[in-house]
Amino acid sequence: MGWRKTMTDLASLAVAMTTSQTRTEASLAFLRQNADFQRQSVLALVETAAAAPQAPEGMGKIVDQYA
């Protein structure tokens, strides 16, 4: 009877380890996807800022006190 309990314990441990591995892999996949999304967002923001029209020469150098 003792070997049956041991086999059950081993099977339970194997299932728990497989479940843990699956959760870890899913978490890593989520982290990679999130990092890629953030990287793409930053690149899009930088591209948009670089494509914005520049102010005319001299604009913004003097503060208008009446504005």
Protein backbone atom coordinates (compact mmCIF):
# COMPACT_ATOMS: atom_id res chain seq x y z
CA MET A 1 0.00 0.00 0.00
CA GLY A 2 2.89 2.38 0.68
CA TRP A 3 4.08 2.29 -2.93
CA ARG A 4 0.62 3.38 -4.16
CA LYS A 5 0.77 6.49 -2.01
CA THR A 6 4.28 7.18 -3.29
CA MET A 7 3.14 6.81 -6.91
CA THR A 8 0.18 9.09 -6.25
CA ASP A 9 2.48 11.64 -4.63
CA LEU A 10 4.88 11.47 -7.59
CA ALA A 11 2.03 11.87 -10.07
CA SER A 12 0.67 14.83 -8.13
CA LEU A 13 4.12 16.39 -8.04
CA ALA A 14 4.56 15.89 -11.79
CA VAL A 15 1.20 17.54 -12.51
CA ALA A 16 2.03 20.44 -10.18
CA MET A 17 5.42 20.94 -11.84
CA THR A 18 3.90 20.87 -15.33
CA THR A 19 1.24 23.36 -14.28
CA SER A 20 3.86 25.63 -12.75
CA GLN A 21 6.00 25.45 -15.90
CA THR A 22 3.00 26.31 -18.07
CA ARG A 23 2.14 29.30 -15.89
CA THR A 24 5.75 30.49 -15.97
CA GLU A 25 5.89 30.20 -19.76
CA ALA A 26 2.60 32.10 -20.08
CA SER A 27 3.88 34.84 -17.77
CA LEU A 28 7.09 35.18 -19.78
CA ALA A 29 5.13 35.34 -23.03
CA PHE A 30 2.94 38.08 -21.56
CA LEU A 31 6.00 40.03 -20.38
CA ARG A 32 7.62 39.76 -23.82
CA GLN A 33 4.43 40.90 -25.53
CA ASN A 34 4.06 43.82 -23.11
CA ALA A 35 7.69 44.88 -23.63
CA ASP A 36 7.26 44.72 -27.42
CA PHE A 37 4.10 46.83 -27.20
CA GLN A 38 5.86 49.44 -25.05
CA ARG A 39 8.84 49.50 -27.42
CA GLN A 40 6.53 50.01 -30.42
CA SER A 41 4.63 52.76 -28.59
CA VAL A 42 7.83 54.64 -27.77
CA LEU A 43 9.09 54.29 -31.36
CA ALA A 44 5.77 55.60 -32.72
CA LEU A 45 5.93 58.54 -30.31
CA VAL A 46 9.51 59.37 -31.31
CA GLU A 47 8.64 59.13 -35.02
CA THR A 48 5.63 61.41 -34.52
CA ALA A 49 7.71 63.97 -32.62
CA ALA A 50 10.41 63.88 -35.30
CA ALA A 51 7.84 64.35 -38.08
CA ALA A 52 6.19 67.38 -36.42
CA PRO A 53 6.79 70.65 -38.24
CA GLN A 54 9.52 72.82 -36.78
CA ALA A 55 8.78 76.32 -35.52
CA PRO A 56 9.90 79.17 -37.78
CA GLU A 57 13.37 80.58 -37.12
CA GLY A 58 13.37 82.96 -34.15
CA MET A 59 9.93 81.94 -32.90
CA GLY A 60 9.78 81.34 -29.17
CA LYS A 61 12.93 83.24 -28.28
CA ILE A 62 11.18 86.30 -26.81
CA VAL A 63 8.44 86.08 -24.18
CA ASP A 64 5.37 88.17 -25.00
CA GLN A 65 4.23 89.76 -21.74
CA TYR A 66 0.72 90.43 -23.07
CA ALA A 67 -0.01 86.89 -24.24
